[in-house]
Amino acid sequence: MMREEFFRQPLYWASRGVMGIWLWLKYRLRVRGRRHVPRRGGLIVAANHCSYLDPPIMAVCAHRRVVHFMARDTLLSNFVARWFFRRVGVIPLDRTRGDLGALRKAIATLKEDKVVGLFPEGTRSPDGRIRTAKGGIGFLIAKSGVPVVPLHIAGSFEAFPKGASRFRKSRISARFGPVITPEEIRAVMPGKKSDYEAVGALVMERIRQLAPGEPGGDASSAV
């Protein structure tokens, strides 16, 4: 962690530290493949999504990078939430329409060599299964021109699924996969045609490959 980043966003680092300790103590959080996360430059981290625990898990796993999340604007519906989320770098998104303003903000954040965390499925999976990416995600990834690091989170659905009112026993693990380069992303868009669905499908397939029992990814190294 760079000293200037800490002083620029102390609330983020303090919150992340508390969540990291809690996730380790309660769920024995294990992280693999951290070496795949570049230490500098614009970057998208994309993960599967089935629990409210997933954003703090991603933030803790990203180690020395500050992750700016895109989150539905209804989460900022009260003063306390607005105060907190804005200070930890959340980008509010109106999911009832094509929110071009939020997409532009995310792209501008990436152009500043920062990290944006995405959950391409758009909402939490009701059964823990990985689903398809929403259309706007492929657009954002293609237009940003930055690498994408896939992340698979296992155990968060069992710990706190959609609709749950309390935390449950589970073991949580997270695994980063090799970077998806801008060249790979452009390769799935034939000619000059912008096939954003293909971009989203590529990212989701790389996330699936990191799931336990699936080929690919980094089966070793917990660093």
C-alpha atoms as a PDB file:
ATOM      1  CA  MET A   1       0.000   0.000   0.000  1.00  0.00           C
ATOM      2  CA  MET A   2       1.367   3.389  -0.970  1.00  0.00           C
ATOM      3  CA  ARG A   3       1.420   5.940   1.829  1.00  0.00           C
ATOM      4  CA  GLU A   4      -0.348   8.615  -0.227  1.00  0.00           C
ATOM      5  CA  GLU A   5      -3.207   6.212  -1.007  1.00  0.00           C
ATOM      6  CA  PHE A   6      -3.733   5.602   2.692  1.00  0.00           C
ATOM      7  CA  PHE A   7      -3.947   9.297   3.536  1.00  0.00           C
ATOM      8  CA  ARG A   8      -6.171   9.958   0.522  1.00  0.00           C
ATOM      9  CA  GLN A   9      -8.778   7.349   1.520  1.00  0.00           C
ATOM     10  CA  PRO A  10      -8.293   6.463   5.195  1.00  0.00           C
ATOM     11  CA  LEU A  11     -11.932   5.406   5.656  1.00  0.00           C
ATOM     12  CA  TYR A  12     -11.580   2.855   2.849  1.00  0.00           C
ATOM     13  CA  TRP A  13      -8.452   1.287   4.333  1.00  0.00           C
ATOM     14  CA  ALA A  14      -9.855   1.263   7.864  1.00  0.00           C
ATOM     15  CA  SER A  15     -13.094  -0.368   6.714  1.00  0.00           C
ATOM     16  CA  ARG A  16     -11.231  -2.859   4.585  1.00  0.00           C
ATOM     17  CA  GLY A  17      -8.967  -3.761   7.490  1.00  0.00           C
ATOM     18  CA  VAL A  18     -11.885  -4.396   9.836  1.00  0.00           C
ATOM     19  CA  MET A  19     -13.706  -6.484   7.211  1.00  0.00           C
ATOM     20  CA  GLY A  20     -10.543  -8.465   6.474  1.00  0.00           C
ATOM     21  CA  ILE A  21     -10.129  -9.432  10.110  1.00  0.00           C
ATOM     22  CA  TRP A  22     -13.822 -10.331  10.413  1.00  0.00           C
ATOM     23  CA  LEU A  23     -13.831 -12.439   7.233  1.00  0.00           C
ATOM     24  CA  TRP A  24     -10.727 -14.312   8.340  1.00  0.00           C
ATOM     25  CA  LEU A  25     -11.971 -14.961  11.868  1.00  0.00           C
ATOM     26  CA  LYS A  26     -15.533 -15.964  10.934  1.00  0.00           C
ATOM     27  CA  TYR A  27     -15.066 -17.594   7.528  1.00  0.00           C
ATOM     28  CA  ARG A  28     -11.325 -18.337   7.342  1.00  0.00           C
ATOM     29  CA  LEU A  29     -11.144 -16.388   4.095  1.00  0.00           C
ATOM     30  CA  ARG A  30      -8.501 -17.834   1.785  1.00  0.00           C
ATOM     31  CA  VAL A  31      -7.206 -15.944  -1.251  1.00  0.00           C
ATOM     32  CA  ARG A  32      -5.384 -17.478  -4.195  1.00  0.00           C
ATOM     33  CA  GLY A  33      -3.721 -15.971  -7.242  1.00  0.00           C
ATOM     34  CA  ARG A  34      -3.100 -12.470  -5.900  1.00  0.00           C
ATOM     35  CA  ARG A  35      -0.039 -12.266  -8.119  1.00  0.00           C
ATOM     36  CA  HIS A  36      -2.408 -11.868 -11.087  1.00  0.00           C
ATOM     37  CA  VAL A  37      -3.512  -8.436  -9.808  1.00  0.00           C
ATOM     38  CA  PRO A  38      -1.310  -5.688 -11.306  1.00  0.00           C
ATOM     39  CA  ARG A  39      -0.037  -3.253  -8.679  1.00  0.00           C
ATOM     40  CA  ARG A  40      -0.582  -0.181 -10.845  1.00  0.00           C
ATOM     41  CA  GLY A  41      -2.568   1.009 -13.831  1.00  0.00           C
ATOM     42  CA  GLY A  42      -6.245   1.034 -14.713  1.00  0.00           C
ATOM     43  CA  LEU A  43      -7.853  -2.320 -13.983  1.00  0.00           C
ATOM     44  CA  ILE A  44     -11.239  -4.012 -13.805  1.00  0.00           C
ATOM     45  CA  VAL A  45     -11.787  -6.829 -11.319  1.00  0.00           C
ATOM     46  CA  ALA A  46     -14.846  -8.886 -12.304  1.00  0.00           C
ATOM     47  CA  ALA A  47     -16.413 -11.530 -10.058  1.00  0.00           C
ATOM     48  CA  ASN A  48     -19.477 -13.724  -9.674  1.00  0.00           C
ATOM     49  CA  HIS A  49     -22.137 -12.348  -7.350  1.00  0.00           C
ATOM     50  CA  CYS A  50     -24.479 -14.133  -4.956  1.00  0.00           C
ATOM     51  CA  SER A  51     -24.147 -12.307  -1.632  1.00  0.00           C
ATOM     52  CA  TYR A  52     -23.825  -8.875  -0.039  1.00  0.00           C
ATOM     53  CA  LEU A  53     -20.492 -10.192   1.252  1.00  0.00           C
ATOM     54  CA  ASP A  54     -18.956 -10.218  -2.234  1.00  0.00           C
ATOM     55  CA  PRO A  55     -17.934  -6.523  -2.444  1.00  0.00           C
ATOM     56  CA  PRO A  56     -16.027  -6.519   0.878  1.00  0.00           C
ATOM     57  CA  ILE A  57     -14.478  -9.868  -0.071  1.00  0.00           C
ATOM     58  CA  MET A  58     -13.249  -8.386  -3.364  1.00  0.00           C
ATOM     59  CA  ALA A  59     -11.894  -5.299  -1.606  1.00  0.00           C
ATOM     60  CA  VAL A  60     -10.003  -7.401   0.953  1.00  0.00           C
ATOM     61  CA  CYS A  61      -8.617  -9.730  -1.717  1.00  0.00           C
ATOM     62  CA  ALA A  62      -7.378  -6.914  -3.964  1.00  0.00           C
ATOM     63  CA  HIS A  63      -4.665  -6.293  -1.360  1.00  0.00           C
ATOM     64  CA  ARG A  64      -2.863  -3.032  -2.171  1.00  0.00           C
ATOM     65  CA  ARG A  65      -5.395  -1.620  -4.659  1.00  0.00           C
ATOM     66  CA  VAL A  66      -8.374   0.584  -3.822  1.00  0.00           C
ATOM     67  CA  VAL A  67     -11.457  -0.878  -5.510  1.00  0.00           C
ATOM     68  CA  HIS A  68     -14.157   1.531  -6.706  1.00  0.00           C
ATOM     69  CA  PHE A  69     -17.442  -0.342  -6.905  1.00  0.00           C
ATOM     70  CA  MET A  70     -20.424   0.332  -9.120  1.00  0.00           C
ATOM     71  CA  ALA A  71     -23.503  -0.116  -6.917  1.00  0.00           C
ATOM     72  CA  ARG A  72     -27.197   0.516  -7.390  1.00  0.00           C
ATOM     73  CA  ASP A  73     -28.164   4.004  -6.278  1.00  0.00           C
ATOM     74  CA  THR A  74     -30.842   2.706  -3.884  1.00  0.00           C
ATOM     75  CA  LEU A  75     -28.027   1.691  -1.536  1.00  0.00           C
ATOM     76  CA  LEU A  76     -27.374   5.414  -1.037  1.00  0.00           C
ATOM     77  CA  SER A  77     -30.937   6.108   0.030  1.00  0.00           C
ATOM     78  CA  ASN A  78     -30.120   7.586   3.448  1.00  0.00           C
ATOM     79  CA  PHE A  79     -27.644  10.136   4.779  1.00  0.00           C
ATOM     80  CA  VAL A  80     -25.354   7.650   6.544  1.00  0.00           C
ATOM     81  CA  ALA A  81     -25.104   5.385   3.477  1.00  0.00           C
ATOM     82  CA  ARG A  82     -24.423   8.347   1.172  1.00  0.00           C
ATOM     83  CA  TRP A  83     -21.765   9.699   3.517  1.00  0.00           C
ATOM     84  CA  PHE A  84     -19.991   6.345   3.788  1.00  0.00           C
ATOM     85  CA  PHE A  85     -20.231   5.008   0.230  1.00  0.00           C
ATOM     86  CA  ARG A  86     -19.142   8.255  -1.387  1.00  0.00           C
ATOM     87  CA  ARG A  87     -16.064   8.374   0.828  1.00  0.00           C
ATOM     88  CA  VAL A  88     -15.012   4.838  -0.061  1.00  0.00           C
ATOM     89  CA  GLY A  89     -15.280   5.479  -3.804  1.00  0.00           C
ATOM     90  CA  VAL A  90     -18.615   3.865  -4.721  1.00  0.00           C
ATOM     91  CA  ILE A  91     -20.017   4.861  -8.140  1.00  0.00           C
ATOM     92  CA  PRO A  92     -23.855   4.940  -7.913  1.00  0.00           C
ATOM     93  CA  LEU A  93     -25.734   3.321 -10.785  1.00  0.00           C
ATOM     94  CA  ASP A  94     -29.416   3.654 -11.709  1.00  0.00           C
ATOM     95  CA  ARG A  95     -30.364   0.129 -12.822  1.00  0.00           C
ATOM     96  CA  THR A  96     -33.832   1.210 -14.013  1.00  0.00           C
ATOM     97  CA  ARG A  97     -32.322   2.793 -17.137  1.00  0.00           C
ATOM     98  CA  GLY A  98     -29.160   2.865 -19.176  1.00  0.00           C
ATOM     99  CA  ASP A  99     -27.106   5.035 -16.822  1.00  0.00           C
ATOM    100  CA  LEU A 100     -24.545   6.527 -19.211  1.00  0.00           C
ATOM    101  CA  GLY A 101     -23.383   8.961 -16.553  1.00  0.00           C
ATOM    102  CA  ALA A 102     -22.312   6.114 -14.269  1.00  0.00           C
ATOM    103  CA  LEU A 103     -20.580   4.330 -17.157  1.00  0.00           C
ATOM    104  CA  ARG A 104     -18.683   7.503 -18.046  1.00  0.00           C
ATOM    105  CA  LYS A 105     -17.685   7.955 -14.413  1.00  0.00           C
ATOM    106  CA  ALA A 106     -16.389   4.370 -14.268  1.00  0.00           C
ATOM    107  CA  ILE A 107     -14.401   4.801 -17.482  1.00  0.00           C
ATOM    108  CA  ALA A 108     -12.946   8.089 -16.213  1.00  0.00           C
ATOM    109  CA  THR A 109     -11.939   6.330 -12.980  1.00  0.00           C
ATOM    110  CA  LEU A 110     -10.136   3.651 -14.987  1.00  0.00           C
ATOM    111  CA  LYS A 111      -8.384   6.284 -17.112  1.00  0.00           C
ATOM    112  CA  GLU A 112      -6.972   7.657 -13.857  1.00  0.00           C
ATOM    113  CA  ASP A 113      -5.181   4.304 -13.379  1.00  0.00           C
ATOM    114  CA  LYS A 114      -7.598   3.188 -10.665  1.00  0.00           C
ATOM    115  CA  VAL A 115      -9.455  -0.086 -10.102  1.00  0.00           C
ATOM    116  CA  VAL A 116     -13.161  -0.628 -10.713  1.00  0.00           C
ATOM    117  CA  GLY A 117     -14.848  -3.699  -9.247  1.00  0.00           C
ATOM    118  CA  LEU A 118     -17.681  -5.216 -11.271  1.00  0.00           C
ATOM    119  CA  PHE A 119     -20.209  -7.982 -10.804  1.00  0.00           C
ATOM    120  CA  PRO A 120     -21.201  -8.603 -14.439  1.00  0.00           C
ATOM    121  CA  GLU A 121     -24.368 -10.525 -13.536  1.00  0.00           C
ATOM    122  CA  GLY A 122     -25.794  -7.248 -12.268  1.00  0.00           C
ATOM    123  CA  THR A 123     -27.502  -8.670  -9.202  1.00  0.00           C
ATOM    124  CA  ARG A 124     -27.074 -11.473  -6.700  1.00  0.00           C
ATOM    125  CA  SER A 125     -27.716 -14.995  -7.958  1.00  0.00           C
ATOM    126  CA  PRO A 126     -30.716 -16.473  -6.101  1.00  0.00           C
ATOM    127  CA  ASP A 127     -29.297 -20.016  -6.199  1.00  0.00           C
ATOM    128  CA  GLY A 128     -25.535 -19.476  -6.174  1.00  0.00           C
ATOM    129  CA  ARG A 129     -25.110 -20.427  -9.827  1.00  0.00           C
ATOM    130  CA  ILE A 130     -23.118 -18.209 -12.169  1.00  0.00           C
ATOM    131  CA  ARG A 131     -25.343 -16.425 -14.669  1.00  0.00           C
ATOM    132  CA  THR A 132     -24.817 -14.394 -17.843  1.00  0.00           C
ATOM    133  CA  ALA A 133     -23.445 -10.863 -17.895  1.00  0.00           C
ATOM    134  CA  LYS A 134     -25.649  -7.833 -18.365  1.00  0.00           C
ATOM    135  CA  GLY A 135     -25.222  -6.043 -21.687  1.00  0.00           C
ATOM    136  CA  GLY A 136     -23.800  -2.801 -20.312  1.00  0.00           C
ATOM    137  CA  ILE A 137     -20.894  -4.604 -18.688  1.00  0.00           C
ATOM    138  CA  GLY A 138     -19.431  -5.676 -22.030  1.00  0.00           C
ATOM    139  CA  PHE A 139     -19.742  -2.096 -23.263  1.00  0.00           C
ATOM    140  CA  LEU A 140     -17.892  -0.742 -20.224  1.00  0.00           C
ATOM    141  CA  ILE A 141     -15.112  -3.308 -20.487  1.00  0.00           C
ATOM    142  CA  ALA A 142     -14.635  -2.769 -24.226  1.00  0.00           C
ATOM    143  CA  LYS A 143     -14.655   1.025 -24.021  1.00  0.00           C
ATOM    144  CA  SER A 144     -12.314   1.235 -21.040  1.00  0.00           C
ATOM    145  CA  GLY A 145      -9.412  -0.452 -22.842  1.00  0.00           C
ATOM    146  CA  VAL A 146      -7.907  -1.790 -19.597  1.00  0.00           C
ATOM    147  CA  PRO A 147      -7.090  -5.346 -18.470  1.00  0.00           C
ATOM    148  CA  VAL A 148      -9.685  -7.422 -16.620  1.00  0.00           C
ATOM    149  CA  VAL A 149      -8.807  -9.768 -13.763  1.00  0.00           C
ATOM    150  CA  PRO A 150     -11.446 -12.487 -13.199  1.00  0.00           C
ATOM    151  CA  LEU A 151     -12.242 -13.443  -9.604  1.00  0.00           C
ATOM    152  CA  HIS A 152     -14.290 -16.398  -8.390  1.00  0.00           C
ATOM    153  CA  ILE A 153     -15.748 -16.227  -4.887  1.00  0.00           C
ATOM    154  CA  ALA A 154     -16.862 -19.498  -3.272  1.00  0.00           C
ATOM    155  CA  GLY A 155     -18.760 -19.887  -0.014  1.00  0.00           C
ATOM    156  CA  SER A 156     -20.399 -16.459   0.207  1.00  0.00           C
ATOM    157  CA  PHE A 157     -23.742 -17.863  -0.988  1.00  0.00           C
ATOM    158  CA  GLU A 158     -23.730 -20.397   1.832  1.00  0.00           C
ATOM    159  CA  ALA A 159     -22.670 -17.693   4.307  1.00  0.00           C
ATOM    160  CA  PHE A 160     -25.241 -15.035   3.426  1.00  0.00           C
ATOM    161  CA  PRO A 161     -27.494 -15.793   0.420  1.00  0.00           C
ATOM    162  CA  LYS A 162     -30.068 -13.491  -1.094  1.00  0.00           C
ATOM    163  CA  GLY A 163     -32.997 -13.091   1.297  1.00  0.00           C
ATOM    164  CA  ALA A 164     -31.092 -14.272   4.381  1.00  0.00           C
ATOM    165  CA  SER A 165     -31.556 -12.434   7.667  1.00  0.00           C
ATOM    166  CA  ARG A 166     -28.481 -13.784   9.455  1.00  0.00           C
ATOM    167  CA  PHE A 167     -24.982 -15.008   8.705  1.00  0.00           C
ATOM    168  CA  ARG A 168     -24.485 -18.780   8.392  1.00  0.00           C
ATOM    169  CA  LYS A 169     -21.537 -21.110   8.832  1.00  0.00           C
ATOM    170  CA  SER A 170     -19.336 -21.464   5.772  1.00  0.00           C
ATOM    171  CA  ARG A 171     -15.769 -21.352   4.492  1.00  0.00           C
ATOM    172  CA  ILE A 172     -15.080 -18.604   1.991  1.00  0.00           C
ATOM    173  CA  SER A 173     -12.365 -18.694  -0.634  1.00  0.00           C
ATOM    174  CA  ALA A 174     -11.496 -16.406  -3.512  1.00  0.00           C
ATOM    175  CA  ARG A 175      -9.346 -17.101  -6.550  1.00  0.00           C
ATOM    176  CA  PHE A 176      -7.967 -14.619  -9.073  1.00  0.00           C
ATOM    177  CA  GLY A 177      -7.250 -15.810 -12.585  1.00  0.00           C
ATOM    178  CA  PRO A 178      -4.801 -14.594 -15.222  1.00  0.00           C
ATOM    179  CA  VAL A 179      -5.420 -11.156 -16.706  1.00  0.00           C
ATOM    180  CA  ILE A 180      -7.725 -10.858 -19.721  1.00  0.00           C
ATOM    181  CA  THR A 181      -5.831  -8.414 -21.918  1.00  0.00           C
ATOM    182  CA  PRO A 182      -7.388  -5.642 -24.029  1.00  0.00           C
ATOM    183  CA  GLU A 183      -6.156  -7.573 -27.070  1.00  0.00           C
ATOM    184  CA  GLU A 184      -8.171 -10.638 -26.039  1.00  0.00           C
ATOM    185  CA  ILE A 185     -11.221  -8.472 -25.513  1.00  0.00           C
ATOM    186  CA  ARG A 186     -10.903  -6.874 -28.962  1.00  0.00           C
ATOM    187  CA  ALA A 187     -10.455 -10.320 -30.527  1.00  0.00           C
ATOM    188  CA  VAL A 188     -14.004 -11.398 -29.607  1.00  0.00           C
ATOM    189  CA  MET A 189     -15.437  -8.379 -31.442  1.00  0.00           C
ATOM    190  CA  PRO A 190     -15.050  -9.314 -35.137  1.00  0.00           C
ATOM    191  CA  GLY A 191     -14.124  -6.539 -37.559  1.00  0.00           C
ATOM    192  CA  LYS A 192     -15.584  -3.198 -36.563  1.00  0.00           C
ATOM    193  CA  LYS A 193     -18.745  -4.702 -35.095  1.00  0.00           C
ATOM    194  CA  SER A 194     -19.112  -4.037 -31.375  1.00  0.00           C
ATOM    195  CA  ASP A 195     -20.212  -7.371 -29.914  1.00  0.00           C
ATOM    196  CA  TYR A 196     -20.487  -6.395 -26.265  1.00  0.00           C
ATOM    197  CA  GLU A 197     -22.377  -9.574 -25.349  1.00  0.00           C
ATOM    198  CA  ALA A 198     -19.354 -11.597 -26.485  1.00  0.00           C
ATOM    199  CA  VAL A 199     -17.120  -9.518 -24.222  1.00  0.00           C
ATOM    200  CA  GLY A 200     -19.378 -10.207 -21.233  1.00  0.00           C
ATOM    201  CA  ALA A 201     -19.505 -13.911 -22.123  1.00  0.00           C
ATOM    202  CA  LEU A 202     -15.703 -14.091 -22.273  1.00  0.00           C
ATOM    203  CA  VAL A 203     -15.355 -12.586 -18.815  1.00  0.00           C
ATOM    204  CA  MET A 204     -18.009 -14.853 -17.293  1.00  0.00           C
ATOM    205  CA  GLU A 205     -16.357 -17.923 -18.830  1.00  0.00           C
ATOM    206  CA  ARG A 206     -13.012 -16.976 -17.266  1.00  0.00           C
ATOM    207  CA  ILE A 207     -14.756 -16.605 -13.900  1.00  0.00           C
ATOM    208  CA  ARG A 208     -16.413 -20.040 -14.300  1.00  0.00           C
ATOM    209  CA  GLN A 209     -13.041 -21.628 -15.017  1.00  0.00           C
ATOM    210  CA  LEU A 210     -11.857 -20.548 -11.569  1.00  0.00           C
ATOM    211  CA  ALA A 211     -14.678 -22.329  -9.754  1.00  0.00           C
ATOM    212  CA  PRO A 212     -13.687 -25.382  -7.648  1.00  0.00           C
ATOM    213  CA  GLY A 213     -13.394 -28.442  -9.832  1.00  0.00           C
ATOM    214  CA  GLU A 214     -13.177 -26.473 -13.070  1.00  0.00           C
ATOM    215  CA  PRO A 215     -10.114 -26.385 -15.365  1.00  0.00           C
ATOM    216  CA  GLY A 216      -7.991 -23.266 -15.611  1.00  0.00           C
ATOM    217  CA  GLY A 217      -7.061 -20.618 -13.116  1.00  0.00           C
ATOM    218  CA  ASP A 218      -4.452 -20.806 -10.424  1.00  0.00           C
ATOM    219  CA  ALA A 219      -4.916 -23.987  -8.419  1.00  0.00           C
ATOM    220  CA  SER A 220      -1.869 -23.301  -6.317  1.00  0.00           C
ATOM    221  CA  SER A 221      -0.350 -20.280  -4.615  1.00  0.00           C
ATOM    222  CA  ALA A 222      -2.341 -18.667  -1.840  1.00  0.00           C
ATOM    223  CA  VAL A 223      -0.472 -15.398  -2.219  1.00  0.00           C
END
